[in-house]
Amino acid sequence: MITADIIETRPGLRADATRIAQIYNEGIEDRIATYETRLRSVEDVEAWFDADYPLVVAERGGVIGAYALATPYRARPCYAGVREFSIYVAREMRGHG
């Protein structure tokens, strides 16, 4: 159980990939955050760090409860520099304001 009231943010690290994958997969399973249907592996998430996407995690009580990520919107040249911004929140962190 998470009890600390303070939420801290920091840049995401490759070492966070397991928890980030877990949170993303909860969003897929719960069908509330994405149209994706294929669960992501830790290796899938590690590739985000290889691509140098901006990624921030939010921690409460030392536990990652959410993350935010900006990825390219589309590959077409007319969208160069346009980003899609996503936020995913772990089940146990949802609904707490």
N, C-alpha and C. Protein backbone atom coordinates (compact mmCIF):
# COMPACT_ATOMS: atom_id res chain seq x y z
N MET A 1 0.83 -1.18 0.00
CA MET A 1 0.00 0.00 0.00
C MET A 1 0.87 1.24 0.00
N ILE A 2 0.48 2.24 -0.77
CA ILE A 2 1.21 3.49 -0.86
C ILE A 2 0.58 4.48 0.11
N THR A 3 1.39 5.06 1.01
CA THR A 3 0.83 5.93 2.03
C THR A 3 1.36 7.35 1.98
N ALA A 4 2.52 7.60 1.42
CA ALA A 4 3.08 8.95 1.39
C ALA A 4 2.21 9.86 0.53
N ASP A 5 2.06 11.12 0.97
CA ASP A 5 1.22 12.07 0.24
C ASP A 5 1.98 12.83 -0.83
N ILE A 6 3.28 12.88 -0.75
CA ILE A 6 4.08 13.67 -1.67
C ILE A 6 4.36 12.88 -2.94
N ILE A 7 4.09 13.53 -4.07
CA ILE A 7 4.40 12.93 -5.37
C ILE A 7 5.59 13.69 -5.94
N GLU A 8 6.61 12.97 -6.31
CA GLU A 8 7.81 13.56 -6.88
C GLU A 8 7.97 13.09 -8.32
N THR A 9 8.44 13.97 -9.18
CA THR A 9 8.70 13.60 -10.57
C THR A 9 10.20 13.63 -10.83
N ARG A 10 10.59 12.83 -11.81
CA ARG A 10 11.99 12.79 -12.22
C ARG A 10 12.05 12.20 -13.62
N PRO A 11 13.16 12.40 -14.32
CA PRO A 11 13.30 11.74 -15.62
C PRO A 11 13.25 10.22 -15.46
N GLY A 12 12.58 9.56 -16.38
CA GLY A 12 12.54 8.11 -16.36
C GLY A 12 13.89 7.53 -16.73
N LEU A 13 14.19 6.38 -16.18
CA LEU A 13 15.45 5.69 -16.43
C LEU A 13 15.18 4.31 -17.03
N ARG A 14 16.14 3.81 -17.75
CA ARG A 14 16.02 2.46 -18.30
C ARG A 14 15.71 1.45 -17.19
N ALA A 15 16.24 1.69 -16.01
CA ALA A 15 15.98 0.79 -14.88
C ALA A 15 14.51 0.78 -14.47
N ASP A 16 13.73 1.76 -14.92
CA ASP A 16 12.30 1.84 -14.61
C ASP A 16 11.44 1.07 -15.60
N ALA A 17 12.05 0.48 -16.61
CA ALA A 17 11.29 -0.13 -17.72
C ALA A 17 10.30 -1.20 -17.26
N THR A 18 10.66 -1.99 -16.27
CA THR A 18 9.74 -3.04 -15.80
C THR A 18 8.46 -2.44 -15.25
N ARG A 19 8.58 -1.43 -14.39
CA ARG A 19 7.39 -0.80 -13.80
C ARG A 19 6.60 -0.03 -14.86
N ILE A 20 7.29 0.64 -15.77
CA ILE A 20 6.60 1.38 -16.83
C ILE A 20 5.81 0.42 -17.70
N ALA A 21 6.40 -0.71 -18.05
CA ALA A 21 5.68 -1.72 -18.85
C ALA A 21 4.46 -2.22 -18.10
N GLN A 22 4.59 -2.43 -16.81
CA GLN A 22 3.45 -2.89 -16.00
C GLN A 22 2.32 -1.87 -16.05
N ILE A 23 2.64 -0.60 -15.86
CA ILE A 23 1.61 0.45 -15.88
C ILE A 23 0.97 0.55 -17.26
N TYR A 24 1.78 0.51 -18.30
CA TYR A 24 1.23 0.59 -19.66
C TYR A 24 0.30 -0.60 -19.92
N ASN A 25 0.72 -1.78 -19.53
CA ASN A 25 -0.09 -2.98 -19.74
C ASN A 25 -1.40 -2.93 -18.96
N GLU A 26 -1.40 -2.30 -17.79
CA GLU A 26 -2.67 -2.10 -17.08
C GLU A 26 -3.62 -1.24 -17.91
N GLY A 27 -3.08 -0.21 -18.55
CA GLY A 27 -3.91 0.63 -19.41
C GLY A 27 -4.49 -0.14 -20.58
N ILE A 28 -3.70 -1.05 -21.15
CA ILE A 28 -4.18 -1.89 -22.25
C ILE A 28 -5.26 -2.84 -21.74
N GLU A 29 -5.00 -3.50 -20.63
CA GLU A 29 -5.95 -4.48 -20.08
C GLU A 29 -7.26 -3.82 -19.65
N ASP A 30 -7.17 -2.63 -19.09
CA ASP A 30 -8.37 -1.95 -18.59
C ASP A 30 -9.15 -1.24 -19.69
N ARG A 31 -8.56 -1.12 -20.87
CA ARG A 31 -9.23 -0.53 -22.04
C ARG A 31 -9.72 0.90 -21.78
N ILE A 32 -8.98 1.66 -20.97
CA ILE A 32 -9.41 3.02 -20.68
C ILE A 32 -8.44 4.08 -21.20
N ALA A 33 -7.28 3.67 -21.69
CA ALA A 33 -6.27 4.67 -22.03
C ALA A 33 -5.71 4.55 -23.43
N THR A 34 -5.94 3.46 -24.11
CA THR A 34 -5.32 3.26 -25.42
C THR A 34 -6.13 2.28 -26.24
N TYR A 35 -5.95 2.35 -27.54
CA TYR A 35 -6.57 1.37 -28.43
C TYR A 35 -5.65 0.17 -28.67
N GLU A 36 -4.47 0.21 -28.09
CA GLU A 36 -3.53 -0.90 -28.23
C GLU A 36 -4.12 -2.17 -27.62
N THR A 37 -3.77 -3.30 -28.19
CA THR A 37 -4.25 -4.58 -27.65
C THR A 37 -3.11 -5.53 -27.31
N ARG A 38 -1.90 -5.25 -27.83
CA ARG A 38 -0.76 -6.12 -27.56
C ARG A 38 -0.02 -5.61 -26.32
N LEU A 39 0.11 -6.47 -25.32
CA LEU A 39 0.85 -6.10 -24.12
C LEU A 39 2.31 -5.85 -24.48
N ARG A 40 2.95 -4.94 -23.76
CA ARG A 40 4.33 -4.58 -24.03
C ARG A 40 5.27 -5.29 -23.07
N SER A 41 6.40 -5.69 -23.61
CA SER A 41 7.45 -6.32 -22.80
C SER A 41 8.38 -5.24 -22.25
N VAL A 42 9.21 -5.63 -21.32
CA VAL A 42 10.23 -4.72 -20.80
C VAL A 42 11.13 -4.26 -21.95
N GLU A 43 11.44 -5.16 -22.87
CA GLU A 43 12.30 -4.82 -24.01
C GLU A 43 11.63 -3.77 -24.89
N ASP A 44 10.32 -3.85 -25.07
CA ASP A 44 9.60 -2.83 -25.84
C ASP A 44 9.78 -1.46 -25.20
N VAL A 45 9.64 -1.40 -23.90
CA VAL A 45 9.77 -0.13 -23.19
C VAL A 45 11.21 0.36 -23.22
N GLU A 46 12.16 -0.53 -23.09
CA GLU A 46 13.57 -0.13 -23.16
C GLU A 46 13.89 0.54 -24.49
N ALA A 47 13.21 0.13 -25.56
CA ALA A 47 13.43 0.74 -26.87
C ALA A 47 13.04 2.21 -26.87
N TRP A 48 12.10 2.60 -26.02
CA TRP A 48 11.74 4.02 -25.93
C TRP A 48 12.94 4.84 -25.49
N PHE A 49 13.76 4.29 -24.62
CA PHE A 49 14.95 5.00 -24.16
C PHE A 49 15.99 5.07 -25.27
N ASP A 50 16.08 4.02 -26.09
CA ASP A 50 16.99 4.04 -27.23
C ASP A 50 16.59 5.12 -28.22
N ALA A 51 15.29 5.37 -28.35
CA ALA A 51 14.79 6.39 -29.28
C ALA A 51 14.87 7.79 -28.68
N ASP A 52 15.26 7.90 -27.42
CA ASP A 52 15.44 9.19 -26.75
C ASP A 52 14.15 9.99 -26.65
N TYR A 53 13.03 9.31 -26.38
CA TYR A 53 11.76 10.00 -26.16
C TYR A 53 11.78 10.62 -24.77
N PRO A 54 11.27 11.85 -24.63
CA PRO A 54 11.17 12.43 -23.29
C PRO A 54 10.21 11.60 -22.43
N LEU A 55 10.64 11.18 -21.27
CA LEU A 55 9.83 10.33 -20.40
C LEU A 55 10.07 10.77 -18.95
N VAL A 56 8.98 11.02 -18.24
CA VAL A 56 9.04 11.45 -16.84
C VAL A 56 8.22 10.47 -16.02
N VAL A 57 8.71 10.10 -14.85
CA VAL A 57 7.94 9.24 -13.95
C VAL A 57 7.52 10.05 -12.72
N ALA A 58 6.41 9.64 -12.12
CA ALA A 58 5.93 10.23 -10.87
C ALA A 58 5.97 9.15 -9.81
N GLU A 59 6.57 9.49 -8.68
CA GLU A 59 6.72 8.53 -7.58
C GLU A 59 5.99 9.03 -6.33
N ARG A 60 5.40 8.09 -5.64
CA ARG A 60 4.82 8.37 -4.32
C ARG A 60 5.36 7.30 -3.39
N GLY A 61 6.00 7.72 -2.33
CA GLY A 61 6.57 6.76 -1.39
C GLY A 61 7.63 5.88 -2.02
N GLY A 62 8.35 6.42 -3.02
CA GLY A 62 9.40 5.66 -3.68
C GLY A 62 8.92 4.67 -4.71
N VAL A 63 7.61 4.64 -4.97
CA VAL A 63 7.03 3.71 -5.95
C VAL A 63 6.55 4.50 -7.16
N ILE A 64 6.96 4.08 -8.35
CA ILE A 64 6.48 4.73 -9.56
C ILE A 64 4.99 4.43 -9.72
N GLY A 65 4.20 5.50 -9.78
CA GLY A 65 2.76 5.34 -9.92
C GLY A 65 2.22 5.85 -11.23
N ALA A 66 3.06 6.55 -11.99
CA ALA A 66 2.61 7.10 -13.27
C ALA A 66 3.83 7.48 -14.10
N TYR A 67 3.58 7.64 -15.39
CA TYR A 67 4.63 8.16 -16.26
C TYR A 67 3.99 8.95 -17.39
N ALA A 68 4.79 9.85 -17.95
CA ALA A 68 4.37 10.65 -19.11
C ALA A 68 5.45 10.50 -20.17
N LEU A 69 5.01 10.44 -21.42
CA LEU A 69 5.91 10.16 -22.54
C LEU A 69 5.48 10.97 -23.75
N ALA A 70 6.43 11.53 -24.48
CA ALA A 70 6.15 12.23 -25.73
C ALA A 70 6.82 11.46 -26.87
N THR A 71 6.02 11.02 -27.84
CA THR A 71 6.52 10.25 -28.98
C THR A 71 6.14 10.96 -30.27
N PRO A 72 6.84 10.66 -31.37
CA PRO A 72 6.45 11.26 -32.65
C PRO A 72 5.00 10.93 -32.98
N TYR A 73 4.28 11.92 -33.49
CA TYR A 73 2.87 11.74 -33.81
C TYR A 73 2.68 10.83 -35.01
N ARG A 74 3.36 11.11 -36.09
CA ARG A 74 3.29 10.31 -37.31
C ARG A 74 4.65 10.39 -38.01
N ALA A 75 4.92 9.43 -38.88
CA ALA A 75 6.20 9.40 -39.59
C ALA A 75 6.23 10.32 -40.80
N ARG A 76 5.08 10.78 -41.26
CA ARG A 76 5.03 11.63 -42.46
C ARG A 76 5.78 12.94 -42.23
N PRO A 77 6.51 13.43 -43.25
CA PRO A 77 7.30 14.65 -43.09
C PRO A 77 6.50 15.87 -42.62
N CYS A 78 5.23 15.95 -43.00
CA CYS A 78 4.44 17.12 -42.59
C CYS A 78 4.22 17.17 -41.08
N TYR A 79 4.46 16.08 -40.37
CA TYR A 79 4.31 16.04 -38.92
C TYR A 79 5.64 16.10 -38.18
N ALA A 80 6.71 16.41 -38.89
CA ALA A 80 8.03 16.49 -38.25
C ALA A 80 7.98 17.45 -37.06
N GLY A 81 8.45 17.01 -35.93
CA GLY A 81 8.46 17.84 -34.73
C GLY A 81 7.18 17.82 -33.91
N VAL A 82 6.12 17.21 -34.45
CA VAL A 82 4.85 17.11 -33.71
C VAL A 82 4.91 15.87 -32.82
N ARG A 83 4.51 16.02 -31.58
CA ARG A 83 4.58 14.91 -30.63
C ARG A 83 3.21 14.56 -30.08
N GLU A 84 3.04 13.29 -29.78
CA GLU A 84 1.86 12.80 -29.07
C GLU A 84 2.27 12.66 -27.60
N PHE A 85 1.48 13.23 -26.71
CA PHE A 85 1.80 13.23 -25.29
C PHE A 85 0.86 12.27 -24.58
N SER A 86 1.41 11.33 -23.85
CA SER A 86 0.61 10.31 -23.16
C SER A 86 0.96 10.28 -21.68
N ILE A 87 -0.06 10.06 -20.86
CA ILE A 87 0.12 9.88 -19.43
C ILE A 87 -0.58 8.59 -19.03
N TYR A 88 0.12 7.74 -18.32
CA TYR A 88 -0.45 6.48 -17.83
C TYR A 88 -0.28 6.43 -16.32
N VAL A 89 -1.34 6.03 -15.63
CA VAL A 89 -1.36 6.00 -14.17
C VAL A 89 -1.67 4.58 -13.72
N ALA A 90 -0.89 4.08 -12.77
CA ALA A 90 -1.10 2.73 -12.22
C ALA A 90 -2.46 2.64 -11.56
N ARG A 91 -3.04 1.47 -11.61
CA ARG A 91 -4.38 1.27 -11.03
C ARG A 91 -4.48 1.81 -9.60
N GLU A 92 -3.49 1.48 -8.77
CA GLU A 92 -3.59 1.86 -7.36
C GLU A 92 -3.42 3.36 -7.13
N MET A 93 -3.00 4.09 -8.15
CA MET A 93 -2.82 5.54 -8.02
C MET A 93 -4.00 6.32 -8.60
N ARG A 94 -4.86 5.68 -9.33
CA ARG A 94 -5.99 6.38 -9.97
C ARG A 94 -7.02 6.80 -8.93
N GLY A 95 -7.65 7.94 -9.21
CA GLY A 95 -8.75 8.40 -8.38
C GLY A 95 -8.35 9.06 -7.07
N HIS A 96 -7.10 9.48 -6.96
CA HIS A 96 -6.64 10.11 -5.72
C HIS A 96 -6.40 11.60 -5.88
N GLY A 97 -6.83 12.17 -6.99
CA GLY A 97 -6.69 13.61 -7.20
C GLY A 97 -5.36 14.07 -7.65
